[in-house]
C-alpha atoms as a PDB file:
ATOM      1  CA  MET A   1      34.603  -7.396 -14.167  1.00  0.00           C
ATOM      2  CA  ARG A   2      33.855  -4.354 -16.302  1.00  0.00           C
ATOM      3  CA  SER A   3      30.165  -5.243 -16.531  1.00  0.00           C
ATOM      4  CA  HIS A   4      30.006  -5.711 -12.761  1.00  0.00           C
ATOM      5  CA  GLY A   5      31.593  -2.297 -12.245  1.00  0.00           C
ATOM      6  CA  MET A   6      29.071  -0.662 -14.560  1.00  0.00           C
ATOM      7  CA  LEU A   7      26.231  -2.399 -12.744  1.00  0.00           C
ATOM      8  CA  ILE A   8      27.488  -1.159  -9.363  1.00  0.00           C
ATOM      9  CA  ARG A   9      27.782   2.397 -10.680  1.00  0.00           C
ATOM     10  CA  LYS A  10      24.270   2.304 -12.101  1.00  0.00           C
ATOM     11  CA  ILE A  11      22.871   0.962  -8.842  1.00  0.00           C
ATOM     12  CA  ALA A  12      24.700   3.716  -6.956  1.00  0.00           C
ATOM     13  CA  VAL A  13      23.213   6.347  -9.277  1.00  0.00           C
ATOM     14  CA  ARG A  14      19.738   4.914  -8.754  1.00  0.00           C
ATOM     15  CA  LEU A  15      20.233   4.928  -4.979  1.00  0.00           C
ATOM     16  CA  LEU A  16      21.306   8.566  -5.065  1.00  0.00           C
ATOM     17  CA  SER A  17      18.287   9.503  -7.169  1.00  0.00           C
ATOM     18  CA  SER A  18      16.055   7.631  -4.723  1.00  0.00           C
ATOM     19  CA  LEU A  19      17.536   9.585  -1.827  1.00  0.00           C
ATOM     20  CA  ALA A  20      16.893  12.801  -3.747  1.00  0.00           C
ATOM     21  CA  VAL A  21      13.234  11.822  -4.144  1.00  0.00           C
ATOM     22  CA  ILE A  22      12.913  11.133  -0.418  1.00  0.00           C
ATOM     23  CA  PHE A  23      14.617  14.446   0.380  1.00  0.00           C
ATOM     24  CA  GLY A  24      12.166  16.277  -1.868  1.00  0.00           C
ATOM     25  CA  VAL A  25       9.195  14.542  -0.246  1.00  0.00           C
ATOM     26  CA  VAL A  26      10.477  15.441   3.219  1.00  0.00           C
ATOM     27  CA  THR A  27      10.898  19.102   2.269  1.00  0.00           C
ATOM     28  CA  VAL A  28       7.504  19.497   0.604  1.00  0.00           C
ATOM     29  CA  THR A  29       5.691  17.683   3.414  1.00  0.00           C
ATOM     30  CA  PHE A  30       7.405  19.780   6.077  1.00  0.00           C
ATOM     31  CA  LEU A  31       6.449  23.041   4.385  1.00  0.00           C
ATOM     32  CA  LEU A  32       2.865  22.047   3.584  1.00  0.00           C
ATOM     33  CA  ALA A  33       2.256  20.829   7.132  1.00  0.00           C
ATOM     34  CA  ARG A  34       3.214  24.219   8.528  1.00  0.00           C
ATOM     35  CA  VAL A  35       1.769  26.495   5.871  1.00  0.00           C
ATOM     36  CA  VAL A  36      -1.627  24.839   5.395  1.00  0.00           C
ATOM     37  CA  SER A  37      -2.426  23.643   8.926  1.00  0.00           C
ATOM     38  CA  PRO A  38      -3.530  25.935  11.767  1.00  0.00           C
ATOM     39  CA  ASP A  39      -1.613  26.546  15.007  1.00  0.00           C
ATOM     40  CA  PRO A  40      -1.114  23.145  16.758  1.00  0.00           C
ATOM     41  CA  THR A  41      -0.975  24.819  20.168  1.00  0.00           C
ATOM     42  CA  ASN A  42      -4.788  24.711  20.106  1.00  0.00           C
ATOM     43  CA  LEU A  43      -4.482  21.000  20.938  1.00  0.00           C
ATOM     44  CA  TYR A  44      -2.873  21.796  24.288  1.00  0.00           C
ATOM     45  CA  VAL A  45      -4.433  25.042  25.489  1.00  0.00           C
ATOM     46  CA  ALA A  46      -7.934  26.398  25.811  1.00  0.00           C
ATOM     47  CA  SER A  47      -9.295  28.589  23.049  1.00  0.00           C
ATOM     48  CA  ASP A  48      -9.255  31.618  25.369  1.00  0.00           C
ATOM     49  CA  ALA A  49      -5.663  31.072  26.614  1.00  0.00           C
ATOM     50  CA  ASP A  50      -3.423  34.132  26.640  1.00  0.00           C
ATOM     51  CA  GLU A  51      -0.423  34.537  24.354  1.00  0.00           C
ATOM     52  CA  SER A  52       2.156  33.868  27.093  1.00  0.00           C
ATOM     53  CA  THR A  53       0.659  30.428  27.709  1.00  0.00           C
ATOM     54  CA  ARG A  54       0.752  29.703  23.993  1.00  0.00           C
ATOM     55  CA  ASP A  55       4.399  30.806  23.840  1.00  0.00           C
ATOM     56  CA  VAL A  56       5.305  28.292  26.556  1.00  0.00           C
ATOM     57  CA  VAL A  57       3.567  25.499  24.623  1.00  0.00           C
ATOM     58  CA  ARG A  58       5.244  26.533  21.363  1.00  0.00           C
ATOM     59  CA  ALA A  59       8.649  26.399  23.046  1.00  0.00           C
ATOM     60  CA  ARG A  60       7.933  22.927  24.424  1.00  0.00           C
ATOM     61  CA  LEU A  61       6.878  21.711  20.971  1.00  0.00           C
ATOM     62  CA  GLY A  62       9.849  23.328  19.248  1.00  0.00           C
ATOM     63  CA  LEU A  63       7.639  25.719  17.283  1.00  0.00           C
ATOM     64  CA  ASP A  64       9.089  28.923  18.717  1.00  0.00           C
ATOM     65  CA  THR A  65      11.852  29.145  16.101  1.00  0.00           C
ATOM     66  CA  SER A  66      11.757  30.124  12.439  1.00  0.00           C
ATOM     67  CA  ILE A  67      10.667  27.700   9.711  1.00  0.00           C
ATOM     68  CA  PRO A  68      14.255  27.189   8.410  1.00  0.00           C
ATOM     69  CA  GLU A  69      15.478  26.402  11.941  1.00  0.00           C
ATOM     70  CA  GLN A  70      12.608  23.956  12.462  1.00  0.00           C
ATOM     71  CA  TYR A  71      13.468  22.316   9.145  1.00  0.00           C
ATOM     72  CA  LEU A  72      17.143  21.886  10.008  1.00  0.00           C
ATOM     73  CA  THR A  73      16.169  20.434  13.374  1.00  0.00           C
ATOM     74  CA  PHE A  74      13.762  18.051  11.662  1.00  0.00           C
ATOM     75  CA  VAL A  75      16.369  16.861   9.139  1.00  0.00           C
ATOM     76  CA  GLY A  76      18.881  16.333  11.944  1.00  0.00           C
ATOM     77  CA  GLN A  77      16.355  14.248  13.855  1.00  0.00           C
ATOM     78  CA  LEU A  78      15.639  12.169  10.750  1.00  0.00           C
ATOM     79  CA  ALA A  79      19.337  11.478  10.327  1.00  0.00           C
ATOM     80  CA  ARG A  80      19.277   9.966  13.835  1.00  0.00           C
ATOM     81  CA  GLY A  81      16.129   7.958  13.082  1.00  0.00           C
ATOM     82  CA  ASP A  82      13.975  10.236  15.229  1.00  0.00           C
ATOM     83  CA  LEU A  83      10.603  11.102  13.668  1.00  0.00           C
ATOM     84  CA  GLY A  84       9.647  13.316  16.582  1.00  0.00           C
ATOM     85  CA  THR A  85       6.907  13.024  19.182  1.00  0.00           C
ATOM     86  CA  SER A  86       3.250  12.941  18.249  1.00  0.00           C
ATOM     87  CA  PHE A  87       1.291  15.954  19.478  1.00  0.00           C
ATOM     88  CA  SER A  88      -1.866  13.884  19.976  1.00  0.00           C
ATOM     89  CA  THR A  89      -0.532  10.664  21.562  1.00  0.00           C
ATOM     90  CA  GLY A  90       2.561  12.051  23.300  1.00  0.00           C
ATOM     91  CA  GLN A  91       4.531   9.013  22.082  1.00  0.00           C
ATOM     92  CA  PRO A  92       7.439   8.846  19.613  1.00  0.00           C
ATOM     93  CA  VAL A  93       6.038   8.740  16.084  1.00  0.00           C
ATOM     94  CA  ALA A  94       8.332   5.846  15.150  1.00  0.00           C
ATOM     95  CA  GLU A  95       6.877   3.735  17.970  1.00  0.00           C
ATOM     96  CA  ASP A  96       3.317   4.684  16.984  1.00  0.00           C
ATOM     97  CA  LEU A  97       3.961   3.654  13.379  1.00  0.00           C
ATOM     98  CA  LEU A  98       5.560   0.360  14.414  1.00  0.00           C
ATOM     99  CA  ARG A  99       2.511  -0.465  16.539  1.00  0.00           C
ATOM    100  CA  LYS A 100       0.195   0.293  13.630  1.00  0.00           C
ATOM    101  CA  LEU A 101       2.324  -1.407  10.965  1.00  0.00           C
ATOM    102  CA  PRO A 102       1.152  -5.045  11.464  1.00  0.00           C
ATOM    103  CA  ALA A 103      -2.511  -4.144  10.883  1.00  0.00           C
ATOM    104  CA  THR A 104      -1.766  -2.298   7.637  1.00  0.00           C
ATOM    105  CA  LEU A 105       0.741  -4.911   6.501  1.00  0.00           C
ATOM    106  CA  GLU A 106      -1.749  -7.741   7.029  1.00  0.00           C
ATOM    107  CA  LEU A 107      -4.476  -5.925   5.123  1.00  0.00           C
ATOM    108  CA  ALA A 108      -2.211  -4.860   2.255  1.00  0.00           C
ATOM    109  CA  THR A 109      -0.477  -8.245   1.916  1.00  0.00           C
ATOM    110  CA  TYR A 110      -3.694 -10.215   1.553  1.00  0.00           C
ATOM    111  CA  ALA A 111      -5.130  -7.617  -0.840  1.00  0.00           C
ATOM    112  CA  ILE A 112      -2.039  -7.609  -3.065  1.00  0.00           C
ATOM    113  CA  VAL A 113      -1.606 -11.400  -3.140  1.00  0.00           C
ATOM    114  CA  CYS A 114      -5.288 -12.161  -3.744  1.00  0.00           C
ATOM    115  CA  GLY A 115      -5.747  -9.346  -6.262  1.00  0.00           C
ATOM    116  CA  ALA A 116      -2.615 -10.269  -8.214  1.00  0.00           C
ATOM    117  CA  LEU A 117      -3.339 -14.015  -8.371  1.00  0.00           C
ATOM    118  CA  VAL A 118      -6.959 -13.533  -9.407  1.00  0.00           C
ATOM    119  CA  GLY A 119      -5.993 -10.832 -11.909  1.00  0.00           C
ATOM    120  CA  ILE A 120      -3.319 -12.993 -13.561  1.00  0.00           C
ATOM    121  CA  ALA A 121      -5.564 -16.069 -13.717  1.00  0.00           C
ATOM    122  CA  LEU A 122      -8.634 -14.302 -15.100  1.00  0.00           C
ATOM    123  CA  GLY A 123      -6.539 -12.202 -17.479  1.00  0.00           C
ATOM    124  CA  ILE A 124      -5.073 -15.353 -19.032  1.00  0.00           C
ATOM    125  CA  VAL A 125      -8.474 -17.049 -19.272  1.00  0.00           C
ATOM    126  CA  ALA A 126     -10.040 -13.966 -20.877  1.00  0.00           C
ATOM    127  CA  ALA A 127      -7.217 -13.752 -23.439  1.00  0.00           C
ATOM    128  CA  VAL A 128      -7.494 -17.424 -24.339  1.00  0.00           C
ATOM    129  CA  ARG A 129     -11.276 -17.042 -24.727  1.00  0.00           C
ATOM    130  CA  GLN A 130     -11.160 -13.647 -26.399  1.00  0.00           C
ATOM    131  CA  GLY A 131     -14.582 -12.316 -27.382  1.00  0.00           C
ATOM    132  CA  SER A 132     -16.481 -14.739 -25.150  1.00  0.00           C
ATOM    133  CA  LEU A 133     -19.051 -13.770 -22.527  1.00  0.00           C
ATOM    134  CA  LEU A 134     -16.399 -14.283 -19.832  1.00  0.00           C
ATOM    135  CA  ASP A 135     -14.050 -11.918 -21.656  1.00  0.00           C
ATOM    136  CA  ARG A 136     -16.720  -9.220 -21.882  1.00  0.00           C
ATOM    137  CA  PHE A 137     -17.607  -9.651 -18.213  1.00  0.00           C
ATOM    138  CA  LEU A 138     -13.947  -9.357 -17.204  1.00  0.00           C
ATOM    139  CA  ARG A 139     -13.557  -6.157 -19.195  1.00  0.00           C
ATOM    140  CA  PHE A 140     -16.601  -4.755 -17.410  1.00  0.00           C
ATOM    141  CA  LEU A 141     -15.065  -5.695 -14.032  1.00  0.00           C
ATOM    142  CA  THR A 142     -11.694  -4.149 -14.828  1.00  0.00           C
ATOM    143  CA  ILE A 143     -13.198  -0.878 -16.053  1.00  0.00           C
ATOM    144  CA  SER A 144     -15.433  -0.722 -12.974  1.00  0.00           C
ATOM    145  CA  GLY A 145     -12.523  -1.529 -10.674  1.00  0.00           C
ATOM    146  CA  LEU A 146     -10.403   1.227 -12.182  1.00  0.00           C
ATOM    147  CA  ALA A 147     -13.224   3.779 -12.048  1.00  0.00           C
ATOM    148  CA  MET A 148     -14.611   3.245  -8.542  1.00  0.00           C
ATOM    149  CA  PRO A 149     -12.846   4.926  -5.582  1.00  0.00           C
ATOM    150  CA  HIS A 150     -11.819   2.744  -2.652  1.00  0.00           C
ATOM    151  CA  PHE A 151     -13.972   4.409  -0.023  1.00  0.00           C
ATOM    152  CA  TRP A 152     -17.115   4.105  -2.179  1.00  0.00           C
ATOM    153  CA  VAL A 153     -16.463   0.401  -2.823  1.00  0.00           C
ATOM    154  CA  GLY A 154     -15.981  -0.160   0.897  1.00  0.00           C
ATOM    155  CA  LEU A 155     -19.200   1.651   1.799  1.00  0.00           C
ATOM    156  CA  MET A 156     -21.172  -0.312  -0.810  1.00  0.00           C
ATOM    157  CA  LEU A 157     -19.777  -3.635   0.420  1.00  0.00           C
ATOM    158  CA  ILE A 158     -20.719  -2.734   4.007  1.00  0.00           C
ATOM    159  CA  TRP A 159     -24.228  -1.752   2.915  1.00  0.00           C
ATOM    160  CA  ILE A 160     -24.735  -4.947   0.882  1.00  0.00           C
ATOM    161  CA  PHE A 161     -23.126  -7.630   3.050  1.00  0.00           C
ATOM    162  CA  PHE A 162     -23.506  -6.175   6.561  1.00  0.00           C
ATOM    163  CA  VAL A 163     -26.550  -3.901   6.519  1.00  0.00           C
ATOM    164  CA  THR A 164     -28.723  -5.650   3.906  1.00  0.00           C
ATOM    165  CA  LEU A 165     -27.740  -9.330   3.871  1.00  0.00           C
ATOM    166  CA  GLY A 166     -26.208  -9.588   7.346  1.00  0.00           C
ATOM    167  CA  THR A 167     -23.609 -12.093   6.126  1.00  0.00           C
ATOM    168  CA  ALA A 168     -20.536 -10.037   7.046  1.00  0.00           C
ATOM    169  CA  PRO A 169     -19.425  -8.755  10.460  1.00  0.00           C
ATOM    170  CA  GLY A 170     -19.590  -5.079  11.310  1.00  0.00           C
ATOM    171  CA  PRO A 171     -16.745  -2.723  10.376  1.00  0.00           C
ATOM    172  CA  VAL A 172     -15.276  -2.552  13.889  1.00  0.00           C
ATOM    173  CA  GLY A 173     -11.606  -3.307  13.236  1.00  0.00           C
ATOM    174  CA  ARG A 174      -9.457  -6.429  13.166  1.00  0.00           C
ATOM    175  CA  LEU A 175     -11.526  -8.421  15.671  1.00  0.00           C
ATOM    176  CA  PRO A 176     -15.140  -8.334  16.866  1.00  0.00           C
ATOM    177  CA  ILE A 177     -15.809  -6.274  19.978  1.00  0.00           C
ATOM    178  CA  GLY A 178     -15.039  -8.323  23.085  1.00  0.00           C
ATOM    179  CA  THR A 179     -12.598 -10.718  21.357  1.00  0.00           C
ATOM    180  CA  SER A 180      -9.081 -10.619  22.770  1.00  0.00           C
ATOM    181  CA  PRO A 181      -6.178 -10.756  20.287  1.00  0.00           C
ATOM    182  CA  PRO A 182      -3.755 -13.716  20.283  1.00  0.00           C
ATOM    183  CA  GLU A 183      -0.152 -13.533  21.391  1.00  0.00           C
ATOM    184  CA  GLN A 184       1.744 -11.523  18.776  1.00  0.00           C
ATOM    185  CA  ILE A 185       4.182 -13.619  16.754  1.00  0.00           C
ATOM    186  CA  SER A 186       4.020 -12.397  13.163  1.00  0.00           C
ATOM    187  CA  GLY A 187       1.641  -9.486  13.686  1.00  0.00           C
ATOM    188  CA  PHE A 188      -0.906 -11.094  11.346  1.00  0.00           C
ATOM    189  CA  LEU A 189      -3.916 -11.975  13.505  1.00  0.00           C
ATOM    190  CA  VAL A 190      -5.072 -14.906  11.360  1.00  0.00           C
ATOM    191  CA  ILE A 191      -1.629 -16.522  11.358  1.00  0.00           C
ATOM    192  CA  ASP A 192      -0.951 -15.782  15.032  1.00  0.00           C
ATOM    193  CA  SER A 193      -4.330 -17.219  16.031  1.00  0.00           C
ATOM    194  CA  VAL A 194      -3.613 -20.442  14.143  1.00  0.00           C
ATOM    195  CA  LEU A 195      -0.104 -20.719  15.602  1.00  0.00           C
ATOM    196  CA  THR A 196      -1.438 -20.291  19.152  1.00  0.00           C
ATOM    197  CA  GLY A 197      -4.270 -22.779  18.613  1.00  0.00           C
ATOM    198  CA  ARG A 198      -7.088 -20.212  18.755  1.00  0.00           C
ATOM    199  CA  LEU A 199      -9.005 -21.286  15.672  1.00  0.00           C
ATOM    200  CA  ASP A 200     -12.167 -19.417  16.688  1.00  0.00           C
ATOM    201  CA  THR A 201     -10.180 -16.179  16.831  1.00  0.00           C
ATOM    202  CA  ALA A 202      -8.574 -17.009  13.476  1.00  0.00           C
ATOM    203  CA  THR A 203     -12.031 -17.432  11.946  1.00  0.00           C
ATOM    204  CA  ALA A 204     -13.223 -14.145  13.436  1.00  0.00           C
ATOM    205  CA  ALA A 205     -10.114 -12.309  12.206  1.00  0.00           C
ATOM    206  CA  PHE A 206     -10.527 -13.789   8.732  1.00  0.00           C
ATOM    207  CA  GLN A 207     -14.151 -12.663   8.590  1.00  0.00           C
ATOM    208  CA  GLN A 208     -13.159  -9.144   9.627  1.00  0.00           C
ATOM    209  CA  LEU A 209     -10.522  -9.135   6.876  1.00  0.00           C
ATOM    210  CA  ALA A 210     -12.849 -10.219   4.077  1.00  0.00           C
ATOM    211  CA  LEU A 211     -14.496  -6.918   3.126  1.00  0.00           C
ATOM    212  CA  PRO A 212     -11.428  -4.652   3.571  1.00  0.00           C
ATOM    213  CA  VAL A 213      -9.285  -7.075   1.547  1.00  0.00           C
ATOM    214  CA  LEU A 214     -11.940  -7.245  -1.170  1.00  0.00           C
ATOM    215  CA  THR A 215     -12.119  -3.445  -1.244  1.00  0.00           C
ATOM    216  CA  LEU A 216      -8.361  -3.007  -1.688  1.00  0.00           C
ATOM    217  CA  GLY A 217      -7.971  -6.144  -3.798  1.00  0.00           C
ATOM    218  CA  ILE A 218     -10.263  -4.783  -6.511  1.00  0.00           C
ATOM    219  CA  GLY A 219      -7.817  -1.929  -7.031  1.00  0.00           C
ATOM    220  CA  VAL A 220      -4.995  -4.463  -7.503  1.00  0.00           C
ATOM    221  CA  PHE A 221      -6.987  -6.930  -9.597  1.00  0.00           C
ATOM    222  CA  ALA A 222      -8.316  -4.489 -12.197  1.00  0.00           C
ATOM    223  CA  PRO A 223      -5.076  -3.099 -13.718  1.00  0.00           C
ATOM    224  CA  ILE A 224      -3.266  -6.449 -13.527  1.00  0.00           C
ATOM    225  CA  ALA A 225      -6.100  -8.377 -15.205  1.00  0.00           C
ATOM    226  CA  ARG A 226      -6.337  -5.774 -17.950  1.00  0.00           C
ATOM    227  CA  THR A 227      -2.573  -5.789 -18.555  1.00  0.00           C
ATOM    228  CA  VAL A 228      -2.333  -9.593 -18.521  1.00  0.00           C
ATOM    229  CA  ARG A 229      -5.220  -9.920 -20.973  1.00  0.00           C
ATOM    230  CA  SER A 230      -3.802  -7.467 -23.514  1.00  0.00           C
ATOM    231  CA  THR A 231      -0.254  -8.832 -23.214  1.00  0.00           C
ATOM    232  CA  MET A 232      -1.442 -12.435 -23.497  1.00  0.00           C
ATOM    233  CA  ILE A 233      -3.481 -11.676 -26.625  1.00  0.00           C
ATOM    234  CA  TYR A 234      -0.437 -10.054 -28.234  1.00  0.00           C
ATOM    235  CA  THR A 235       1.849 -12.924 -27.193  1.00  0.00           C
ATOM    236  CA  LEU A 236      -0.481 -15.651 -28.460  1.00  0.00           C
ATOM    237  CA  GLY A 237      -0.331 -14.048 -31.910  1.00  0.00           C
ATOM    238  CA  ALA A 238       3.475 -14.185 -32.059  1.00  0.00           C
ATOM    239  CA  ASP A 239       5.267 -16.370 -34.614  1.00  0.00           C
ATOM    240  CA  TYR A 240       6.950 -18.592 -32.041  1.00  0.00           C
ATOM    241  CA  ILE A 241       3.594 -19.409 -30.446  1.00  0.00           C
ATOM    242  CA  ARG A 242       2.122 -20.406 -33.824  1.00  0.00           C
ATOM    243  CA  THR A 243       5.222 -22.510 -34.419  1.00  0.00           C
ATOM    244  CA  ALA A 244       4.708 -24.228 -31.066  1.00  0.00           C
ATOM    245  CA  TYR A 245       1.128 -25.057 -32.042  1.00  0.00           C
ATOM    246  CA  ALA A 246       2.339 -26.434 -35.380  1.00  0.00           C
ATOM    247  CA  MET A 247       4.842 -28.660 -33.582  1.00  0.00           C
ATOM    248  CA  GLY A 248       2.011 -30.250 -31.622  1.00  0.00           C
ATOM    249  CA  ILE A 249       2.866 -28.791 -28.218  1.00  0.00           C
ATOM    250  CA  THR A 250      -0.147 -28.872 -25.910  1.00  0.00           C
ATOM    251  CA  PRO A 251      -1.967 -25.573 -25.251  1.00  0.00           C
ATOM    252  CA  ALA A 252      -1.416 -25.917 -21.495  1.00  0.00           C
ATOM    253  CA  ARG A 253       2.352 -26.074 -22.007  1.00  0.00           C
ATOM    254  CA  ILE A 254       2.295 -23.183 -24.470  1.00  0.00           C
ATOM    255  CA  TYR A 255       0.359 -20.978 -22.058  1.00  0.00           C
ATOM    256  CA  GLY A 256       2.289 -21.955 -18.934  1.00  0.00           C
ATOM    257  CA  ARG A 257       5.823 -22.271 -20.249  1.00  0.00           C
ATOM    258  CA  TYR A 258       6.157 -19.949 -23.237  1.00  0.00           C
ATOM    259  CA  ALA A 259       3.474 -17.268 -23.162  1.00  0.00           C
ATOM    260  CA  LEU A 260       3.407 -16.720 -19.405  1.00  0.00           C
ATOM    261  CA  LYS A 261       7.039 -15.572 -19.322  1.00  0.00           C
ATOM    262  CA  ASN A 262       6.278 -12.570 -21.512  1.00  0.00           C
ATOM    263  CA  VAL A 263       3.080 -11.864 -19.619  1.00  0.00           C
ATOM    264  CA  LEU A 264       4.809 -11.686 -16.230  1.00  0.00           C
ATOM    265  CA  LEU A 265       7.266  -8.961 -17.284  1.00  0.00           C
ATOM    266  CA  PRO A 266       4.682  -6.137 -17.425  1.00  0.00           C
ATOM    267  CA  VAL A 267       3.007  -7.614 -14.347  1.00  0.00           C
ATOM    268  CA  LEU A 268       6.172  -6.808 -12.378  1.00  0.00           C
ATOM    269  CA  THR A 269       5.778  -3.159 -13.289  1.00  0.00           C
ATOM    270  CA  MET A 270       2.064  -3.219 -12.510  1.00  0.00           C
ATOM    271  CA  LEU A 271       2.734  -4.814  -9.118  1.00  0.00           C
ATOM    272  CA  SER A 272       5.069  -1.996  -8.113  1.00  0.00           C
ATOM    273  CA  GLY A 273       2.335   0.523  -8.801  1.00  0.00           C
ATOM    274  CA  ALA A 274      -0.275  -1.707  -7.185  1.00  0.00           C
ATOM    275  CA  VAL A 275       1.702  -1.928  -3.944  1.00  0.00           C
ATOM    276  CA  GLY A 276       1.967   1.837  -3.673  1.00  0.00           C
ATOM    277  CA  PHE A 277      -1.672   2.216  -4.701  1.00  0.00           C
ATOM    278  CA  THR A 278      -2.709  -0.255  -2.005  1.00  0.00           C
ATOM    279  CA  PHE A 279      -0.820   1.468   0.791  1.00  0.00           C
ATOM    280  CA  SER A 280      -2.173   4.872  -0.220  1.00  0.00           C
ATOM    281  CA  GLY A 281      -5.691   3.472  -0.572  1.00  0.00           C
ATOM    282  CA  ALA A 282      -5.414   1.941   2.884  1.00  0.00           C
ATOM    283  CA  VAL A 283      -5.706   5.438   4.377  1.00  0.00           C
ATOM    284  CA  LEU A 284      -9.376   5.758   3.407  1.00  0.00           C
ATOM    285  CA  VAL A 285     -10.201   2.049   3.605  1.00  0.00           C
ATOM    286  CA  GLU A 286      -8.940   1.838   7.180  1.00  0.00           C
ATOM    287  CA  GLY A 287     -11.090   4.833   8.018  1.00  0.00           C
ATOM    288  CA  VAL A 288     -14.188   3.184   6.517  1.00  0.00           C
ATOM    289  CA  PHE A 289     -13.647  -0.139   8.305  1.00  0.00           C
ATOM    290  CA  ALA A 290     -12.259   1.309  11.581  1.00  0.00           C
ATOM    291  CA  TRP A 291      -9.061  -0.636  10.884  1.00  0.00           C
ATOM    292  CA  PRO A 292      -6.409   0.321  13.483  1.00  0.00           C
ATOM    293  CA  GLY A 293      -3.525   0.648  11.052  1.00  0.00           C
ATOM    294  CA  MET A 294      -1.166   3.296   9.773  1.00  0.00           C
ATOM    295  CA  GLY A 295      -3.757   4.708   7.393  1.00  0.00           C
ATOM    296  CA  GLN A 296      -6.199   5.488  10.168  1.00  0.00           C
ATOM    297  CA  TYR A 297      -3.319   6.911  12.215  1.00  0.00           C
ATOM    298  CA  ALA A 298      -2.430   9.251   9.335  1.00  0.00           C
ATOM    299  CA  LEU A 299      -6.062  10.269   8.859  1.00  0.00           C
ATOM    300  CA  GLN A 300      -6.386  11.198  12.523  1.00  0.00           C
ATOM    301  CA  ALA A 301      -3.057  13.050  12.389  1.00  0.00           C
ATOM    302  CA  VAL A 302      -4.294  15.219   9.513  1.00  0.00           C
ATOM    303  CA  GLN A 303      -7.520  16.011  11.355  1.00  0.00           C
ATOM    304  CA  GLN A 304      -5.756  17.054  14.589  1.00  0.00           C
ATOM    305  CA  PRO A 305      -3.399  18.459  13.025  1.00  0.00           C
ATOM    306  CA  ASP A 306      -0.347  16.516  14.205  1.00  0.00           C
ATOM    307  CA  PHE A 307       2.757  17.662  12.296  1.00  0.00           C
ATOM    308  CA  PRO A 308       5.208  14.947  13.427  1.00  0.00           C
ATOM    309  CA  ALA A 309       2.714  12.135  12.811  1.00  0.00           C
ATOM    310  CA  VAL A 310       1.851  13.387   9.318  1.00  0.00           C
ATOM    311  CA  GLN A 311       5.517  13.809   8.436  1.00  0.00           C
ATOM    312  CA  GLY A 312       6.367  10.371   9.810  1.00  0.00           C
ATOM    313  CA  PHE A 313       3.656   8.663   7.790  1.00  0.00           C
ATOM    314  CA  VAL A 314       4.616  10.471   4.591  1.00  0.00           C
ATOM    315  CA  MET A 315       8.242   9.491   5.174  1.00  0.00           C
ATOM    316  CA  TYR A 316       7.179   5.875   5.543  1.00  0.00           C
ATOM    317  CA  ALA A 317       5.051   6.016   2.377  1.00  0.00           C
ATOM    318  CA  ALA A 318       7.841   7.664   0.379  1.00  0.00           C
ATOM    319  CA  ILE A 319      10.379   5.060   1.476  1.00  0.00           C
ATOM    320  CA  VAL A 320       7.963   2.232   0.590  1.00  0.00           C
ATOM    321  CA  TYR A 321       7.432   3.667  -2.904  1.00  0.00           C
ATOM    322  CA  VAL A 322      11.134   4.241  -3.554  1.00  0.00           C
ATOM    323  CA  VAL A 323      12.246   0.831  -2.254  1.00  0.00           C
ATOM    324  CA  ILE A 324       9.557  -1.022  -4.199  1.00  0.00           C
ATOM    325  CA  TYR A 325      10.357   0.688  -7.501  1.00  0.00           C
ATOM    326  CA  PHE A 326      14.078   0.120  -6.947  1.00  0.00           C
ATOM    327  CA  LEU A 327      13.554  -3.601  -6.273  1.00  0.00           C
ATOM    328  CA  VAL A 328      11.270  -3.910  -9.297  1.00  0.00           C
ATOM    329  CA  ASP A 329      14.009  -2.398 -11.467  1.00  0.00           C
ATOM    330  CA  LEU A 330      16.432  -5.054 -10.235  1.00  0.00           C
ATOM    331  CA  ALA A 331      13.879  -7.848 -10.678  1.00  0.00           C
ATOM    332  CA  TYR A 332      13.027  -6.635 -14.179  1.00  0.00           C
ATOM    333  CA  GLN A 333      16.673  -6.752 -15.167  1.00  0.00           C
ATOM    334  CA  GLN A 334      16.953 -10.340 -13.969  1.00  0.00           C
ATOM    335  CA  ALA A 335      13.769 -11.328 -15.795  1.00  0.00           C
ATOM    336  CA  ASP A 336      14.687  -9.533 -19.033  1.00  0.00           C
ATOM    337  CA  PRO A 337      18.438  -9.122 -19.755  1.00  0.00           C
ATOM    338  CA  ARG A 338      17.640  -6.539 -22.455  1.00  0.00           C
ATOM    339  CA  VAL A 339      16.606  -4.087 -19.754  1.00  0.00           C
ATOM    340  CA  ARG A 340      19.316  -2.034 -18.086  1.00  0.00           C
ATOM    341  CA  ILE A 341      18.982  -0.022 -14.886  1.00  0.00           C
END
């Protein structure tokens, strides 16, 4: 009972610290949006409009009060789940983000799953065959993947596979122009197309996904493969692994049952960073591939400028980061009892 009580207290402390992080993000974003960006009334009035007209627009947008009053109003709205109304679309920001969420979630999910699986598999193979040509090639890939920015990788893939070779579809979004989307069930176009029997649409959606997923997946693959390789090399040199070899246990069982457990622990930590890295990278990748997700929405909001939309997206990103790291802490404790929250 005592251990359970300590665990609950530690979880409560972590939750409070997570809320403090979100509060700090909200405050900084609110101030930066108003200090750095120009007057948003320019979106609604002509450049030669008189000051009285601008005052009317400011009052309608809630910008006629002081910064502290605007901040208190904003925090009160957040407490009610209201992210405000977008200046550019005229719709509630929460509804805009929910409409854009499936596109970003589909892109990020495939990138994370594919990048993680390939990174783990190749990292193990490279460690087992340390010093081989495959190992050297993998190290080259991981260094390149860590060094190259997302938008540059996306542009190069478009130039190679679409412009030069013509083997990939154009960067026009989730579906080719003129193709109607399937009935929304999960929000993932490939899955929804299969569930509704539209296999041609599923194929088209998969083809549109290929290059964006590859672009984001490289950013997930590189750090995971590098971490798995180094951890696997260290683990294979441990005494208990040499003892397992001496006992005649097959290499496949040693790798899969004994060594892999230690390898997966740091992968959990890497995955938490990779998820956040993927969602942040989606902002530029969605812009490159005209992907109608939350990243493109945020990019357009910054260009407008659209205060509520920018704040809403940053709130979403902050919550994603905090929740993921909190869940990884819990998962790490279950995987390794020596770790305490």
